[in-house]
């Protein structure tokens, strides 16, 4: 079990968590734009492949899927990165909330100690 943190450690930890959260948000912005661009490229390639294919509709669909599979995979991986960053961001937000609660608890404890010294 770890020892309770003092006020300076709580402040330092909250500061680091805030920086980590900001970095995660910046990474998420970049990843979201990248995923959007890759999805658009895959959709456009699929449409072009579908329109240029011959045969019945189902054959054209499957031909287009086969021709654009790699682009779709790249777009899906980019989307997975976005989901991962969202999960990381939510985890950091929860850790900040725990830190705030710890800080509030620490302040209340110090206040009680101060009141006891005055009595």
PDB file of N, CA and C in Angstrom:
ATOM      1  N   UNK A   1       0.846  -1.177   0.000  1.00  0.00           N
ATOM      2  CA  UNK A   1       0.000   0.000   0.000  1.00  0.00           C
ATOM      3  C   UNK A   1       0.891   1.239   0.000  1.00  0.00           C
ATOM      4  N   UNK A   2       0.523   2.252  -0.745  1.00  0.00           N
ATOM      5  CA  UNK A   2       1.324   3.465  -0.805  1.00  0.00           C
ATOM      6  C   UNK A   2       0.896   4.436   0.283  1.00  0.00           C
ATOM      7  N   UNK A   3       1.851   5.269   0.680  1.00  0.00           N
ATOM      8  CA  UNK A   3       1.571   6.272   1.710  1.00  0.00           C
ATOM      9  C   UNK A   3       0.700   7.378   1.118  1.00  0.00           C
ATOM     10  N   UNK A   4      -0.132   8.008   1.942  1.00  0.00           N
ATOM     11  CA  UNK A   4      -0.951   9.114   1.445  1.00  0.00           C
ATOM     12  C   UNK A   4      -0.068  10.254   0.914  1.00  0.00           C
ATOM     13  N   UNK A   5      -0.563  10.946  -0.084  1.00  0.00           N
ATOM     14  CA  UNK A   5       0.194  12.054  -0.663  1.00  0.00           C
ATOM     15  C   UNK A   5       0.002  13.314   0.180  1.00  0.00           C
ATOM     16  N   UNK A   6       1.047  14.135   0.186  1.00  0.00           N
ATOM     17  CA  UNK A   6       0.899  15.432   0.837  1.00  0.00           C
ATOM     18  C   UNK A   6       0.385  16.440  -0.191  1.00  0.00           C
ATOM     19  N   UNK A   7       0.148  17.675   0.237  1.00  0.00           N
ATOM     20  CA  UNK A   7      -0.445  18.696  -0.635  1.00  0.00           C
ATOM     21  C   UNK A   7       0.415  18.959  -1.870  1.00  0.00           C
ATOM     22  N   UNK A   8       1.735  19.011  -1.697  1.00  0.00           N
ATOM     23  CA  UNK A   8       2.625  19.280  -2.827  1.00  0.00           C
ATOM     24  C   UNK A   8       2.569  18.139  -3.846  1.00  0.00           C
ATOM     25  N   UNK A   9       2.521  16.898  -3.362  1.00  0.00           N
ATOM     26  CA  UNK A   9       2.437  15.747  -4.268  1.00  0.00           C
ATOM     27  C   UNK A   9       1.110  15.720  -5.017  1.00  0.00           C
ATOM     28  N   UNK A  10       0.041  16.082  -4.323  1.00  0.00           N
ATOM     29  CA  UNK A  10      -1.278  16.130  -4.962  1.00  0.00           C
ATOM     30  C   UNK A  10      -1.271  17.186  -6.065  1.00  0.00           C
ATOM     31  N   UNK A  11      -0.729  18.347  -5.766  1.00  0.00           N
ATOM     32  CA  UNK A  11      -0.668  19.436  -6.741  1.00  0.00           C
ATOM     33  C   UNK A  11       0.184  19.040  -7.936  1.00  0.00           C
ATOM     34  N   UNK A  12       1.327  18.440  -7.680  1.00  0.00           N
ATOM     35  CA  UNK A  12       2.225  18.001  -8.750  1.00  0.00           C
ATOM     36  C   UNK A  12       1.545  16.936  -9.629  1.00  0.00           C
ATOM     37  N   UNK A  13       0.877  16.001  -8.999  1.00  0.00           N
ATOM     38  CA  UNK A  13       0.189  14.940  -9.734  1.00  0.00           C
ATOM     39  C   UNK A  13      -0.945  15.507 -10.585  1.00  0.00           C
ATOM     40  N   UNK A  14      -1.727  16.427 -10.016  1.00  0.00           N
ATOM     41  CA  UNK A  14      -2.806  17.041 -10.786  1.00  0.00           C
ATOM     42  C   UNK A  14      -2.262  17.845 -11.957  1.00  0.00           C
ATOM     43  N   UNK A  15      -1.145  18.529 -11.747  1.00  0.00           N
ATOM     44  CA  UNK A  15      -0.520  19.274 -12.832  1.00  0.00           C
ATOM     45  C   UNK A  15      -0.076  18.354 -13.959  1.00  0.00           C
ATOM     46  N   UNK A  16       0.541  17.234 -13.614  1.00  0.00           N
ATOM     47  CA  UNK A  16       0.988  16.284 -14.629  1.00  0.00           C
ATOM     48  C   UNK A  16      -0.201  15.646 -15.361  1.00  0.00           C
ATOM     49  N   UNK A  17      -1.243  15.322 -14.608  1.00  0.00           N
ATOM     50  CA  UNK A  17      -2.435  14.753 -15.232  1.00  0.00           C
ATOM     51  C   UNK A  17      -3.073  15.748 -16.200  1.00  0.00           C
ATOM     52  N   UNK A  18      -3.072  17.017 -15.827  1.00  0.00           N
ATOM     53  CA  UNK A  18      -3.626  18.045 -16.716  1.00  0.00           C
ATOM     54  C   UNK A  18      -2.818  18.130 -18.001  1.00  0.00           C
ATOM     55  N   UNK A  19      -1.500  18.082 -17.889  1.00  0.00           N
ATOM     56  CA  UNK A  19      -0.653  18.096 -19.086  1.00  0.00           C
ATOM     57  C   UNK A  19      -0.888  16.854 -19.948  1.00  0.00           C
ATOM     58  N   UNK A  20      -0.988  15.699 -19.309  1.00  0.00           N
ATOM     59  CA  UNK A  20      -1.249  14.456 -20.035  1.00  0.00           C
ATOM     60  C   UNK A  20      -2.600  14.510 -20.751  1.00  0.00           C
ATOM     61  N   UNK A  21      -3.595  15.080 -20.077  1.00  0.00           N
ATOM     62  CA  UNK A  21      -4.924  15.201 -20.672  1.00  0.00           C
ATOM     63  C   UNK A  21      -4.885  16.142 -21.873  1.00  0.00           C
ATOM     64  N   UNK A  22      -4.192  17.257 -21.753  1.00  0.00           N
ATOM     65  CA  UNK A  22      -4.081  18.199 -22.861  1.00  0.00           C
ATOM     66  C   UNK A  22      -3.382  17.548 -24.059  1.00  0.00           C
ATOM     67  N   UNK A  23      -2.304  16.809 -23.794  1.00  0.00           N
ATOM     68  CA  UNK A  23      -1.585  16.117 -24.873  1.00  0.00           C
ATOM     69  C   UNK A  23      -2.503  15.095 -25.555  1.00  0.00           C
ATOM     70  N   UNK A  24      -3.276  14.389 -24.772  1.00  0.00           N
ATOM     71  CA  UNK A  24      -4.196  13.389 -25.313  1.00  0.00           C
ATOM     72  C   UNK A  24      -5.249  14.060 -26.201  1.00  0.00           C
ATOM     73  N   UNK A  25      -5.774  15.201 -25.764  1.00  0.00           N
ATOM     74  CA  UNK A  25      -6.762  15.924 -26.556  1.00  0.00           C
ATOM     75  C   UNK A  25      -6.146  16.369 -27.882  1.00  0.00           C
ATOM     76  N   UNK A  26      -4.909  16.863 -27.843  1.00  0.00           N
ATOM     77  CA  UNK A  26      -4.232  17.271 -29.079  1.00  0.00           C
ATOM     78  C   UNK A  26      -4.025  16.077 -30.013  1.00  0.00           C
ATOM     79  N   UNK A  27      -3.606  14.936 -29.464  1.00  0.00           N
ATOM     80  CA  UNK A  27      -3.431  13.721 -30.272  1.00  0.00           C
ATOM     81  C   UNK A  27      -4.761  13.273 -30.865  1.00  0.00           C
ATOM     82  N   UNK A  28      -5.821  13.399 -30.072  1.00  0.00           N
ATOM     83  CA  UNK A  28      -7.147  13.004 -30.537  1.00  0.00           C
ATOM     84  C   UNK A  28      -7.601  13.880 -31.700  1.00  0.00           C
ATOM     85  N   UNK A  29      -7.338  15.174 -31.619  1.00  0.00           N
ATOM     86  CA  UNK A  29      -7.713  16.075 -32.714  1.00  0.00           C
ATOM     87  C   UNK A  29      -7.029  15.660 -34.014  1.00  0.00           C
ATOM     88  N   UNK A  30      -5.737  15.372 -33.947  1.00  0.00           N
ATOM     89  CA  UNK A  30      -4.976  14.974 -35.135  1.00  0.00           C
ATOM     90  C   UNK A  30      -5.479  13.628 -35.651  1.00  0.00           C
ATOM     91  N   UNK A  31      -5.671  12.671 -34.746  1.00  0.00           N
ATOM     92  CA  UNK A  31      -6.110  11.328 -35.143  1.00  0.00           C
ATOM     93  C   UNK A  31      -7.513  11.351 -35.736  1.00  0.00           C
ATOM     94  N   UNK A  32      -8.382  12.179 -35.202  1.00  0.00           N
ATOM     95  CA  UNK A  32      -9.746  12.261 -35.710  1.00  0.00           C
ATOM     96  C   UNK A  32      -9.763  12.808 -37.137  1.00  0.00           C
ATOM     97  N   UNK A  33      -8.980  13.831 -37.392  1.00  0.00           N
ATOM     98  CA  UNK A  33      -8.891  14.381 -38.749  1.00  0.00           C
ATOM     99  C   UNK A  33      -8.303  13.343 -39.708  1.00  0.00           C
ATOM    100  N   UNK A  34      -7.257  12.651 -39.257  1.00  0.00           N
ATOM    101  CA  UNK A  34      -6.634  11.614 -40.083  1.00  0.00           C
ATOM    102  C   UNK A  34      -7.629  10.503 -40.403  1.00  0.00           C
ATOM    103  N   UNK A  35      -8.380  10.061 -39.407  1.00  0.00           N
ATOM    104  CA  UNK A  35      -9.362   8.995 -39.622  1.00  0.00           C
ATOM    105  C   UNK A  35     -10.449   9.440 -40.595  1.00  0.00           C
ATOM    106  N   UNK A  36     -10.871  10.679 -40.474  1.00  0.00           N
ATOM    107  CA  UNK A  36     -11.897  11.208 -41.377  1.00  0.00           C
ATOM    108  C   UNK A  36     -11.392  11.229 -42.812  1.00  0.00           C
ATOM    109  N   UNK A  37     -10.155  11.686 -43.004  1.00  0.00           N
ATOM    110  CA  UNK A  37      -9.574  11.727 -44.351  1.00  0.00           C
ATOM    111  C   UNK A  37      -9.412  10.328 -44.938  1.00  0.00           C
ATOM    112  N   UNK A  38      -8.992   9.375 -44.115  1.00  0.00           N
ATOM    113  CA  UNK A  38      -8.807   8.005 -44.602  1.00  0.00           C
ATOM    114  C   UNK A  38     -10.138   7.334 -44.933  1.00  0.00           C
ATOM    115  N   UNK A  39     -11.157   7.615 -44.133  1.00  0.00           N
ATOM    116  CA  UNK A  39     -12.488   7.064 -44.431  1.00  0.00           C
ATOM    117  C   UNK A  39     -13.005   7.655 -45.737  1.00  0.00           C
ATOM    118  N   UNK A  40     -12.817   8.938 -45.917  1.00  0.00           N
ATOM    119  CA  UNK A  40     -13.257   9.582 -47.160  1.00  0.00           C
ATOM    120  C   UNK A  40     -12.541   8.966 -48.369  1.00  0.00           C
ATOM    121  N   UNK A  41     -11.245   8.769 -48.256  1.00  0.00           N
ATOM    122  CA  UNK A  41     -10.474   8.173 -49.356  1.00  0.00           C
ATOM    123  C   UNK A  41     -10.972   6.760 -49.666  1.00  0.00           C
ATOM    124  N   UNK A  42     -11.261   5.987 -48.634  1.00  0.00           N
ATOM    125  CA  UNK A  42     -11.754   4.618 -48.845  1.00  0.00           C
ATOM    126  C   UNK A  42     -13.140   4.635 -49.492  1.00  0.00           C
ATOM    127  N   UNK A  43     -14.006   5.517 -49.024  1.00  0.00           N
ATOM    128  CA  UNK A  43     -15.353   5.611 -49.597  1.00  0.00           C
ATOM    129  C   UNK A  43     -15.305   6.029 -51.064  1.00  0.00           C
ATOM    130  N   UNK A  44     -14.465   7.007 -51.368  1.00  0.00           N
ATOM    131  CA  UNK A  44     -14.344   7.485 -52.743  1.00  0.00           C
ATOM    132  C   UNK A  44     -13.780   6.392 -53.656  1.00  0.00           C
ATOM    133  N   UNK A  45     -12.760   5.698 -53.183  1.00  0.00           N
ATOM    134  CA  UNK A  45     -12.172   4.608 -53.967  1.00  0.00           C
ATOM    135  C   UNK A  45     -13.198   3.500 -54.204  1.00  0.00           C
ATOM    136  N   UNK A  46     -13.992   3.188 -53.177  1.00  0.00           N
ATOM    137  CA  UNK A  46     -15.037   2.170 -53.331  1.00  0.00           C
ATOM    138  C   UNK A  46     -16.033   2.589 -54.404  1.00  0.00           C
ATOM    139  N   UNK A  47     -16.473   3.835 -54.347  1.00  0.00           N
ATOM    140  CA  UNK A  47     -17.442   4.319 -55.338  1.00  0.00           C
ATOM    141  C   UNK A  47     -16.892   4.234 -56.747  1.00  0.00           C
ATOM    142  N   UNK A  48     -15.645   4.646 -56.919  1.00  0.00           N
ATOM    143  CA  UNK A  48     -15.024   4.592 -58.248  1.00  0.00           C
ATOM    144  C   UNK A  48     -14.883   3.145 -58.731  1.00  0.00           C
ATOM    145  N   UNK A  49     -14.470   2.261 -57.822  1.00  0.00           N
ATOM    146  CA  UNK A  49     -14.311   0.846 -58.191  1.00  0.00           C
ATOM    147  C   UNK A  49     -15.666   0.230 -58.537  1.00  0.00           C
ATOM    148  N   UNK A  50     -16.694   0.581 -57.772  1.00  0.00           N
ATOM    149  CA  UNK A  50     -18.030   0.059 -58.027  1.00  0.00           C
ATOM    150  C   UNK A  50     -18.529   0.508 -59.404  1.00  0.00           C
ATOM    151  N   UNK A  51     -18.358   1.782 -59.691  1.00  0.00           N
ATOM    152  CA  UNK A  51     -18.851   2.321 -60.966  1.00  0.00           C
ATOM    153  C   UNK A  51     -18.085   1.781 -62.174  1.00  0.00           C
ATOM    154  N   UNK A  52     -16.814   1.436 -61.963  1.00  0.00           N
ATOM    155  CA  UNK A  52     -16.022   0.947 -63.092  1.00  0.00           C
ATOM    156  C   UNK A  52     -16.120  -0.570 -63.277  1.00  0.00           C
ATOM    157  N   UNK A  53     -16.711  -1.270 -62.325  1.00  0.00           N
ATOM    158  CA  UNK A  53     -16.838  -2.728 -62.416  1.00  0.00           C
ATOM    159  C   UNK A  53     -17.976  -3.110 -63.364  1.00  0.00           C
ATOM    160  N   UNK A  54     -17.869  -4.301 -63.912  1.00  0.00           N
ATOM    161  CA  UNK A  54     -18.905  -4.827 -64.811  1.00  0.00           C
ATOM    162  C   UNK A  54     -19.696  -5.917 -64.100  1.00  0.00           C
ATOM    163  N   UNK A  55     -20.898  -6.136 -64.576  1.00  0.00           N
ATOM    164  CA  UNK A  55     -21.700  -7.235 -64.064  1.00  0.00           C
ATOM    165  C   UNK A  55     -22.852  -6.775 -63.206  1.00  0.00           C
ATOM    166  N   UNK A  56     -23.553  -7.749 -62.607  1.00  0.00           N
ATOM    167  CA  UNK A  56     -24.689  -7.438 -61.730  1.00  0.00           C
ATOM    168  C   UNK A  56     -24.225  -6.645 -60.487  1.00  0.00           C
ATOM    169  N   UNK A  57     -25.175  -6.039 -59.817  1.00  0.00           N
ATOM    170  CA  UNK A  57     -24.900  -5.182 -58.659  1.00  0.00           C
ATOM    171  C   UNK A  57     -24.046  -5.901 -57.604  1.00  0.00           C
ATOM    172  N   UNK A  58     -24.444  -7.117 -57.232  1.00  0.00           N
ATOM    173  CA  UNK A  58     -23.702  -7.832 -56.181  1.00  0.00           C
ATOM    174  C   UNK A  58     -22.263  -8.110 -56.603  1.00  0.00           C
ATOM    175  N   UNK A  59     -22.041  -8.432 -57.838  1.00  0.00           N
ATOM    176  CA  UNK A  59     -20.684  -8.670 -58.327  1.00  0.00           C
ATOM    177  C   UNK A  59     -19.889  -7.373 -58.270  1.00  0.00           C
ATOM    178  N   UNK A  60     -20.523  -6.274 -58.671  1.00  0.00           N
ATOM    179  CA  UNK A  60     -19.842  -4.975 -58.638  1.00  0.00           C
ATOM    180  C   UNK A  60     -19.494  -4.577 -57.202  1.00  0.00           C
ATOM    181  N   UNK A  61     -20.411  -4.847 -56.261  1.00  0.00           N
ATOM    182  CA  UNK A  61     -20.145  -4.534 -54.846  1.00  0.00           C
ATOM    183  C   UNK A  61     -18.918  -5.297 -54.343  1.00  0.00           C
ATOM    184  N   UNK A  62     -18.896  -6.600 -54.605  1.00  0.00           N
ATOM    185  CA  UNK A  62     -17.799  -7.429 -54.106  1.00  0.00           C
ATOM    186  C   UNK A  62     -16.487  -7.123 -54.823  1.00  0.00           C
ATOM    187  N   UNK A  63     -16.567  -6.787 -56.085  1.00  0.00           N
ATOM    188  CA  UNK A  63     -15.368  -6.380 -56.821  1.00  0.00           C
ATOM    189  C   UNK A  63     -14.801  -5.105 -56.207  1.00  0.00           C
ATOM    190  N   UNK A  64     -15.676  -4.150 -55.924  1.00  0.00           N
ATOM    191  CA  UNK A  64     -15.239  -2.884 -55.322  1.00  0.00           C
ATOM    192  C   UNK A  64     -14.675  -3.115 -53.919  1.00  0.00           C
ATOM    193  N   UNK A  65     -15.294  -3.988 -53.153  1.00  0.00           N
ATOM    194  CA  UNK A  65     -14.772  -4.303 -51.810  1.00  0.00           C
ATOM    195  C   UNK A  65     -13.370  -4.903 -51.901  1.00  0.00           C
ATOM    196  N   UNK A  66     -13.196  -5.816 -52.832  1.00  0.00           N
ATOM    197  CA  UNK A  66     -11.882  -6.439 -52.995  1.00  0.00           C
ATOM    198  C   UNK A  66     -10.816  -5.446 -53.425  1.00  0.00           C
ATOM    199  N   UNK A  67     -11.184  -4.546 -54.305  1.00  0.00           N
ATOM    200  CA  UNK A  67     -10.213  -3.566 -54.802  1.00  0.00           C
ATOM    201  C   UNK A  67      -9.865  -2.494 -53.767  1.00  0.00           C
ATOM    202  N   UNK A  68     -10.737  -2.261 -52.812  1.00  0.00           N
ATOM    203  CA  UNK A  68     -10.509  -1.177 -51.840  1.00  0.00           C
ATOM    204  C   UNK A  68     -10.290  -1.685 -50.419  1.00  0.00           C
ATOM    205  N   UNK A  69     -10.086  -2.979 -50.277  1.00  0.00           N
ATOM    206  CA  UNK A  69      -9.946  -3.579 -48.941  1.00  0.00           C
ATOM    207  C   UNK A  69      -8.826  -2.936 -48.133  1.00  0.00           C
ATOM    208  N   UNK A  70      -7.696  -2.673 -48.754  1.00  0.00           N
ATOM    209  CA  UNK A  70      -6.558  -2.111 -48.023  1.00  0.00           C
ATOM    210  C   UNK A  70      -6.865  -0.700 -47.516  1.00  0.00           C
ATOM    211  N   UNK A  71      -7.505   0.104 -48.352  1.00  0.00           N
ATOM    212  CA  UNK A  71      -7.872   1.457 -47.913  1.00  0.00           C
ATOM    213  C   UNK A  71      -8.876   1.409 -46.767  1.00  0.00           C
ATOM    214  N   UNK A  72      -9.822   0.489 -46.839  1.00  0.00           N
ATOM    215  CA  UNK A  72     -10.811   0.353 -45.761  1.00  0.00           C
ATOM    216  C   UNK A  72     -10.129  -0.084 -44.471  1.00  0.00           C
ATOM    217  N   UNK A  73      -9.172  -1.005 -44.580  1.00  0.00           N
ATOM    218  CA  UNK A  73      -8.450  -1.462 -43.400  1.00  0.00           C
ATOM    219  C   UNK A  73      -7.685  -0.301 -42.761  1.00  0.00           C
ATOM    220  N   UNK A  74      -6.999   0.498 -43.560  1.00  0.00           N
ATOM    221  CA  UNK A  74      -6.253   1.654 -43.049  1.00  0.00           C
ATOM    222  C   UNK A  74      -7.208   2.622 -42.346  1.00  0.00           C
ATOM    223  N   UNK A  75      -8.383   2.841 -42.934  1.00  0.00           N
ATOM    224  CA  UNK A  75      -9.376   3.724 -42.315  1.00  0.00           C
ATOM    225  C   UNK A  75      -9.891   3.133 -40.998  1.00  0.00           C
ATOM    226  N   UNK A  76     -10.099   1.830 -40.964  1.00  0.00           N
ATOM    227  CA  UNK A  76     -10.568   1.181 -39.736  1.00  0.00           C
ATOM    228  C   UNK A  76      -9.526   1.256 -38.627  1.00  0.00           C
ATOM    229  N   UNK A  77      -8.254   1.100 -38.973  1.00  0.00           N
ATOM    230  CA  UNK A  77      -7.179   1.208 -37.975  1.00  0.00           C
ATOM    231  C   UNK A  77      -7.116   2.639 -37.437  1.00  0.00           C
ATOM    232  N   UNK A  78      -7.261   3.631 -38.318  1.00  0.00           N
ATOM    233  CA  UNK A  78      -7.257   5.027 -37.882  1.00  0.00           C
ATOM    234  C   UNK A  78      -8.436   5.299 -36.948  1.00  0.00           C
ATOM    235  N   UNK A  79      -9.585   4.707 -37.248  1.00  0.00           N
ATOM    236  CA  UNK A  79     -10.753   4.865 -36.389  1.00  0.00           C
ATOM    237  C   UNK A  79     -10.530   4.188 -35.034  1.00  0.00           C
ATOM    238  N   UNK A  80      -9.857   3.054 -35.028  1.00  0.00           N
ATOM    239  CA  UNK A  80      -9.543   2.368 -33.771  1.00  0.00           C
ATOM    240  C   UNK A  80      -8.625   3.219 -32.905  1.00  0.00           C
ATOM    241  N   UNK A  81      -7.684   3.930 -33.531  1.00  0.00           N
ATOM    242  CA  UNK A  81      -6.810   4.828 -32.774  1.00  0.00           C
ATOM    243  C   UNK A  81      -7.620   5.932 -32.112  1.00  0.00           C
ATOM    244  N   UNK A  82      -8.594   6.473 -32.819  1.00  0.00           N
ATOM    245  CA  UNK A  82      -9.460   7.509 -32.244  1.00  0.00           C
ATOM    246  C   UNK A  82     -10.192   6.955 -31.021  1.00  0.00           C
ATOM    247  N   UNK A  83     -10.766   5.770 -31.146  1.00  0.00           N
ATOM    248  CA  UNK A  83     -11.477   5.165 -30.010  1.00  0.00           C
ATOM    249  C   UNK A  83     -10.539   4.938 -28.833  1.00  0.00           C
ATOM    250  N   UNK A  84      -9.300   4.506 -29.107  1.00  0.00           N
ATOM    251  CA  UNK A  84      -8.323   4.287 -28.050  1.00  0.00           C
ATOM    252  C   UNK A  84      -7.990   5.601 -27.341  1.00  0.00           C
ATOM    253  N   UNK A  85      -7.810   6.667 -28.105  1.00  0.00           N
ATOM    254  CA  UNK A  85      -7.505   7.972 -27.506  1.00  0.00           C
ATOM    255  C   UNK A  85      -8.674   8.494 -26.679  1.00  0.00           C
ATOM    256  N   UNK A  86      -9.886   8.239 -27.127  1.00  0.00           N
ATOM    257  CA  UNK A  86     -11.062   8.649 -26.341  1.00  0.00           C
ATOM    258  C   UNK A  86     -11.082   7.906 -25.011  1.00  0.00           C
ATOM    259  N   UNK A  87     -10.787   6.601 -25.044  1.00  0.00           N
ATOM    260  CA  UNK A  87     -10.736   5.822 -23.791  1.00  0.00           C
ATOM    261  C   UNK A  87      -9.641   6.354 -22.872  1.00  0.00           C
ATOM    262  N   UNK A  88      -8.467   6.652 -23.445  1.00  0.00           N
ATOM    263  CA  UNK A  88      -7.371   7.187 -22.631  1.00  0.00           C
ATOM    264  C   UNK A  88      -7.767   8.536 -22.026  1.00  0.00           C
ATOM    265  N   UNK A  89      -8.404   9.383 -22.818  1.00  0.00           N
ATOM    266  CA  UNK A  89      -8.826  10.693 -22.329  1.00  0.00           C
ATOM    267  C   UNK A  89      -9.810  10.547 -21.166  1.00  0.00           C
ATOM    268  N   UNK A  90     -10.768   9.641 -21.305  1.00  0.00           N
ATOM    269  CA  UNK A  90     -11.740   9.419 -20.232  1.00  0.00           C
ATOM    270  C   UNK A  90     -11.053   8.900 -18.968  1.00  0.00           C
ATOM    271  N   UNK A  91     -10.056   8.034 -19.136  1.00  0.00           N
ATOM    272  CA  UNK A  91      -9.306   7.545 -17.987  1.00  0.00           C
ATOM    273  C   UNK A  91      -8.552   8.666 -17.292  1.00  0.00           C
ATOM    274  N   UNK A  92      -7.939   9.533 -18.073  1.00  0.00           N
ATOM    275  CA  UNK A  92      -7.238  10.679 -17.483  1.00  0.00           C
ATOM    276  C   UNK A  92      -8.215  11.609 -16.769  1.00  0.00           C
ATOM    277  N   UNK A  93      -9.384  11.816 -17.350  1.00  0.00           N
ATOM    278  CA  UNK A  93     -10.395  12.652 -16.699  1.00  0.00           C
ATOM    279  C   UNK A  93     -10.803  12.064 -15.354  1.00  0.00           C
ATOM    280  N   UNK A  94     -10.963  10.748 -15.300  1.00  0.00           N
ATOM    281  CA  UNK A  94     -11.319  10.099 -14.024  1.00  0.00           C
ATOM    282  C   UNK A  94     -10.196  10.252 -13.002  1.00  0.00           C
ATOM    283  N   UNK A  95      -8.959  10.141 -13.464  1.00  0.00           N
ATOM    284  CA  UNK A  95      -7.836  10.308 -12.544  1.00  0.00           C
ATOM    285  C   UNK A  95      -7.763  11.736 -12.005  1.00  0.00           C
ATOM    286  N   UNK A  96      -8.071  12.724 -12.847  1.00  0.00           N
ATOM    287  CA  UNK A  96      -8.108  14.115 -12.384  1.00  0.00           C
ATOM    288  C   UNK A  96      -9.194  14.270 -11.323  1.00  0.00           C
ATOM    289  N   UNK A  97     -10.350  13.673 -11.553  1.00  0.00           N
ATOM    290  CA  UNK A  97     -11.434  13.762 -10.564  1.00  0.00           C
ATOM    291  C   UNK A  97     -11.033  13.121  -9.232  1.00  0.00           C
ATOM    292  N   UNK A  98     -10.347  11.993  -9.297  1.00  0.00           N
ATOM    293  CA  UNK A  98      -9.866  11.350  -8.066  1.00  0.00           C
ATOM    294  C   UNK A  98      -8.874  12.267  -7.366  1.00  0.00           C
ATOM    295  N   UNK A  99      -8.000  12.894  -8.139  1.00  0.00           N
ATOM    296  CA  UNK A  99      -7.030  13.825  -7.563  1.00  0.00           C
ATOM    297  C   UNK A  99      -7.707  15.013  -6.910  1.00  0.00           C
ATOM    298  N   UNK A 100      -8.743  15.523  -7.542  1.00  0.00           N
ATOM    299  CA  UNK A 100      -9.489  16.640  -6.949  1.00  0.00           C
ATOM    300  C   UNK A 100     -10.149  16.216  -5.643  1.00  0.00           C
ATOM    301  N   UNK A 101     -10.719  15.018  -5.633  1.00  0.00           N
ATOM    302  CA  UNK A 101     -11.345  14.507  -4.411  1.00  0.00           C
ATOM    303  C   UNK A 101     -10.308  14.349  -3.307  1.00  0.00           C
ATOM    304  N   UNK A 102      -9.142  13.830  -3.676  1.00  0.00           N
ATOM    305  CA  UNK A 102      -8.064  13.662  -2.700  1.00  0.00           C
ATOM    306  C   UNK A 102      -7.633  15.013  -2.155  1.00  0.00           C
ATOM    307  N   UNK A 103      -7.536  15.994  -3.034  1.00  0.00           N
ATOM    308  CA  UNK A 103      -7.148  17.339  -2.616  1.00  0.00           C
ATOM    309  C   UNK A 103      -8.186  17.922  -1.661  1.00  0.00           C
ATOM    310  N   UNK A 104      -9.458  17.759  -1.983  1.00  0.00           N
ATOM    311  CA  UNK A 104     -10.525  18.265  -1.104  1.00  0.00           C
ATOM    312  C   UNK A 104     -10.488  17.571   0.254  1.00  0.00           C
ATOM    313  N   UNK A 105     -10.280  16.266   0.224  1.00  0.00           N
ATOM    314  CA  UNK A 105     -10.197  15.511   1.478  1.00  0.00           C
ATOM    315  C   UNK A 105      -9.012  16.009   2.310  1.00  0.00           C
ATOM    316  N   UNK A 106      -7.876  16.251   1.654  1.00  0.00           N
ATOM    317  CA  UNK A 106      -6.678  16.712   2.339  1.00  0.00           C
ATOM    318  C   UNK A 106      -6.909  18.083   2.959  1.00  0.00           C
ATOM    319  N   UNK A 107      -7.551  18.994   2.234  1.00  0.00           N
ATOM    320  CA  UNK A 107      -7.852  20.333   2.760  1.00  0.00           C
ATOM    321  C   UNK A 107      -8.784  20.246   3.963  1.00  0.00           C
ATOM    322  N   UNK A 108      -9.797  19.373   3.879  1.00  0.00           N
ATOM    323  CA  UNK A 108     -10.729  19.205   4.990  1.00  0.00           C
ATOM    324  C   UNK A 108     -10.006  18.656   6.215  1.00  0.00           C
ATOM    325  N   UNK A 109      -9.105  17.723   5.989  1.00  0.00           N
ATOM    326  CA  UNK A 109      -8.345  17.156   7.101  1.00  0.00           C
ATOM    327  C   UNK A 109      -7.472  18.224   7.757  1.00  0.00           C
ATOM    328  N   UNK A 110      -6.803  19.026   6.968  1.00  0.00           N
ATOM    329  CA  UNK A 110      -5.974  20.104   7.510  1.00  0.00           C
ATOM    330  C   UNK A 110      -6.819  21.123   8.272  1.00  0.00           C
ATOM    331  N   UNK A 111      -8.014  21.395   7.767  1.00  0.00           N
ATOM    332  CA  UNK A 111      -8.913  22.324   8.438  1.00  0.00           C
ATOM    333  C   UNK A 111      -9.323  21.784   9.809  1.00  0.00           C
ATOM    334  N   UNK A 112      -9.617  20.489   9.856  1.00  0.00           N
ATOM    335  CA  UNK A 112      -9.995  19.871  11.133  1.00  0.00           C
ATOM    336  C   UNK A 112      -8.834  19.874  12.122  1.00  0.00           C
ATOM    337  N   UNK A 113      -7.638  19.623  11.612  1.00  0.00           N
ATOM    338  CA  UNK A 113      -6.445  19.647  12.478  1.00  0.00           C
ATOM    339  C   UNK A 113      -6.256  21.051  13.020  1.00  0.00           C
ATOM    340  N   UNK A 114      -6.434  22.069  12.157  1.00  0.00           N
ATOM    341  CA  UNK A 114      -6.305  23.456  12.588  1.00  0.00           C
ATOM    342  C   UNK A 114      -7.339  23.825  13.623  1.00  0.00           C
ATOM    343  N   UNK A 115      -8.546  23.340  13.492  1.00  0.00           N
ATOM    344  CA  UNK A 115      -9.611  23.639  14.471  1.00  0.00           C
ATOM    345  C   UNK A 115      -9.304  22.953  15.791  1.00  0.00           C
ATOM    346  N   UNK A 116      -8.726  21.780  15.726  1.00  0.00           N
ATOM    347  CA  UNK A 116      -8.394  21.063  16.963  1.00  0.00           C
ATOM    348  C   UNK A 116      -7.275  21.749  17.714  1.00  0.00           C
ATOM    349  N   UNK A 117      -6.356  22.383  17.015  1.00  0.00           N
ATOM    350  CA  UNK A 117      -5.245  23.073  17.665  1.00  0.00           C
ATOM    351  C   UNK A 117      -5.717  24.336  18.362  1.00  0.00           C
ATOM    352  N   UNK A 118      -6.805  24.955  17.843  1.00  0.00           N
ATOM    353  CA  UNK A 118      -7.304  26.187  18.438  1.00  0.00           C
ATOM    354  C   UNK A 118      -8.108  25.920  19.710  1.00  0.00           C
ATOM    355  N   UNK A 119      -8.655  24.718  19.844  1.00  0.00           N
ATOM    356  CA  UNK A 119      -9.521  24.409  20.987  1.00  0.00           C
ATOM    357  C   UNK A 119      -8.765  24.225  22.263  1.00  0.00           C
TER     358      UNK A 119
END
